[in-house]
Amino acid sequence: MKNCLLVILVSLCIYSCGIVKNGNRSSRIANSKNDTIRIANDSLEYEIIIIEPGFNLFMNTIAKPKNYYSQSWLENKNKFLVNDYNQRVHQPNRYNPSLYVQEINYNTNIDYGYDVNYLLYYYFVYLSRQYDQRFSVPTRI
């Protein structure tokens, strides 16, 4: 089963659970229980699991509803965001290695489906907001 995306995000999320910046919104999110979100495309054997404190709350309160963005828009953003993320994985002296643990194996020639692309995009939005990370392609909501 092709679960590289899953393994990478789970590893990243588990490792980064303890890193929280100060502030009202961050404290509220950090105080929530560990969240687990699983999105799977069983017919293609791809899934994404994100375990991150506050991510479920973020998805329920801040993220735009599904179908707000088109799948092609999400795929285009994810292509650049994954590339940015993977470059940071290889630069542990420059970027926090506890946030960028392992590469994300995202193949732009594979149709992961809307749900996987939606969740992956919002993981980058969450990473950007929660840990004050800036990517070359702005994440917006």
Protein backbone atom coordinates (compact mmCIF):
# COMPACT_ATOMS: atom_id res chain seq x y z
CA MET A 1 0.00 0.00 0.00
CA LYS A 2 1.32 3.41 -0.89
CA ASN A 3 1.32 5.13 2.48
CA CYS A 4 4.46 7.23 2.31
CA LEU A 5 2.40 10.40 2.64
CA LEU A 6 0.71 8.94 5.69
CA VAL A 7 3.90 7.86 7.39
CA ILE A 8 5.58 11.20 6.82
CA LEU A 9 2.73 13.29 8.15
CA VAL A 10 2.13 11.04 11.16
CA SER A 11 5.82 11.16 12.04
CA LEU A 12 5.92 14.91 11.62
CA CYS A 13 2.79 15.45 13.66
CA ILE A 14 3.79 13.18 16.51
CA TYR A 15 7.25 14.71 16.72
CA SER A 16 5.99 18.27 16.62
CA CYS A 17 3.24 17.78 19.22
CA GLY A 18 5.32 19.32 21.98
CA ILE A 19 6.25 22.49 20.11
CA VAL A 20 3.75 25.26 20.76
CA LYS A 21 4.27 28.98 20.70
CA ASN A 22 2.72 31.30 23.27
CA GLY A 23 -0.45 33.27 22.72
CA ASN A 24 -4.18 32.96 23.22
CA ARG A 25 -5.04 31.12 20.03
CA SER A 26 -1.98 28.88 20.28
CA SER A 27 -2.64 28.10 23.93
CA ARG A 28 -6.24 27.20 23.21
CA ILE A 29 -5.19 24.89 20.40
CA ALA A 30 -2.34 23.39 22.40
CA ASN A 31 -4.63 22.59 25.32
CA SER A 32 -6.94 20.51 23.20
CA LYS A 33 -6.53 16.73 23.15
CA ASN A 34 -4.38 15.04 20.54
CA ASP A 35 -6.43 14.90 17.41
CA THR A 36 -6.40 12.19 14.82
CA ILE A 37 -7.83 12.81 11.39
CA ARG A 38 -7.81 10.05 8.78
CA ILE A 39 -8.72 10.57 5.16
CA ALA A 40 -8.39 7.62 2.84
CA ASN A 41 -8.91 6.91 -0.80
CA ASP A 42 -9.20 3.13 -0.49
CA SER A 43 -9.70 2.55 -4.19
CA LEU A 44 -6.28 4.08 -4.90
CA GLU A 45 -4.71 2.82 -1.67
CA TYR A 46 -3.69 6.26 -0.44
CA GLU A 47 -4.42 7.72 2.92
CA ILE A 48 -3.35 10.61 5.07
CA ILE A 49 -3.41 10.60 8.86
CA ILE A 50 -2.61 13.72 10.85
CA ILE A 51 -2.08 13.49 14.60
CA GLU A 52 -1.55 16.99 15.90
CA PRO A 53 -2.93 18.74 18.98
CA GLY A 54 -5.47 21.29 17.90
CA PHE A 55 -5.62 20.29 14.25
CA ASN A 56 -9.18 18.98 14.50
CA LEU A 57 -10.26 22.19 16.24
CA PHE A 58 -8.49 24.18 13.52
CA MET A 59 -10.29 22.22 10.80
CA ASN A 60 -13.66 22.71 12.46
CA THR A 61 -13.32 26.41 13.25
CA ILE A 62 -10.92 28.07 10.82
CA ALA A 63 -10.64 25.97 7.65
CA LYS A 64 -12.88 26.80 4.71
CA PRO A 65 -15.56 24.20 4.02
CA LYS A 66 -14.88 21.39 1.60
CA ASN A 67 -15.41 22.31 -2.04
CA TYR A 68 -14.45 25.94 -1.33
CA TYR A 69 -11.34 25.33 -3.41
CA SER A 70 -11.25 23.19 -6.54
CA GLN A 71 -9.18 20.02 -6.58
CA SER A 72 -6.91 21.45 -9.27
CA TRP A 73 -6.29 24.56 -7.15
CA LEU A 74 -5.40 22.38 -4.13
CA GLU A 75 -3.15 20.14 -6.23
CA ASN A 76 -1.31 23.15 -7.61
CA LYS A 77 -0.73 24.62 -4.14
CA ASN A 78 0.29 21.26 -2.69
CA LYS A 79 2.82 20.73 -5.47
CA PHE A 80 4.70 23.87 -4.44
CA LEU A 81 4.15 23.48 -0.69
CA VAL A 82 5.42 19.89 -0.67
CA ASN A 83 8.46 20.96 -2.66
CA ASP A 84 9.14 23.75 -0.16
CA TYR A 85 8.61 21.40 2.75
CA ASN A 86 10.93 18.74 1.30
CA GLN A 87 13.69 21.31 0.74
CA ARG A 88 13.46 22.24 4.42
CA VAL A 89 13.80 18.61 5.44
CA HIS A 90 17.26 18.64 3.82
CA GLN A 91 18.34 21.81 5.62
CA PRO A 92 18.17 20.93 9.35
CA ASN A 93 20.67 23.66 10.26
CA ARG A 94 18.45 26.31 8.72
CA TYR A 95 14.97 24.97 9.54
CA ASN A 96 13.70 23.35 12.71
CA PRO A 97 14.30 19.60 12.25
CA SER A 98 11.52 18.80 14.70
CA LEU A 99 9.02 20.36 12.28
CA TYR A 100 10.56 18.96 9.11
CA VAL A 101 11.25 15.34 9.98
CA GLN A 102 10.86 13.40 6.76
CA GLU A 103 10.12 14.09 3.10
CA ILE A 104 6.57 13.93 1.82
CA ASN A 105 6.24 11.65 -1.18
CA TYR A 106 3.70 13.57 -3.29
CA ASN A 107 3.56 12.63 -6.95
CA THR A 108 1.81 15.25 -9.09
CA ASN A 109 0.95 12.58 -11.68
CA ILE A 110 -1.26 10.69 -9.22
CA ASP A 111 -4.83 11.70 -8.47
CA TYR A 112 -5.02 11.46 -4.68
CA GLY A 113 -8.58 12.69 -4.67
CA TYR A 114 -10.13 15.81 -3.23
CA ASP A 115 -10.09 14.82 0.45
CA VAL A 116 -6.39 13.97 0.58
CA ASN A 117 -5.44 17.20 -1.21
CA TYR A 118 -7.78 19.24 1.01
CA LEU A 119 -6.34 17.80 4.21
CA LEU A 120 -2.73 18.12 3.03
CA TYR A 121 -3.25 21.76 2.06
CA TYR A 122 -4.79 22.58 5.43
CA TYR A 123 -1.96 20.81 7.21
CA PHE A 124 0.37 23.33 5.56
CA VAL A 125 -1.94 26.18 6.56
CA TYR A 126 -1.94 24.86 10.13
CA LEU A 127 1.85 24.45 10.13
CA SER A 128 2.21 27.99 8.83
CA ARG A 129 -0.10 29.52 11.43
CA GLN A 130 0.70 27.39 14.47
CA TYR A 131 4.50 27.42 14.13
CA ASP A 132 4.91 30.72 12.26
CA GLN A 133 6.35 29.10 9.15
CA ARG A 134 6.46 30.96 5.84
CA PHE A 135 6.39 29.08 2.57
CA SER A 136 7.23 30.40 -0.88
CA VAL A 137 3.59 29.90 -1.87
CA PRO A 138 1.40 31.74 0.63
CA THR A 139 -1.18 29.67 2.47
CA ARG A 140 -4.45 31.48 2.86
CA ILE A 141 -7.83 30.82 4.33
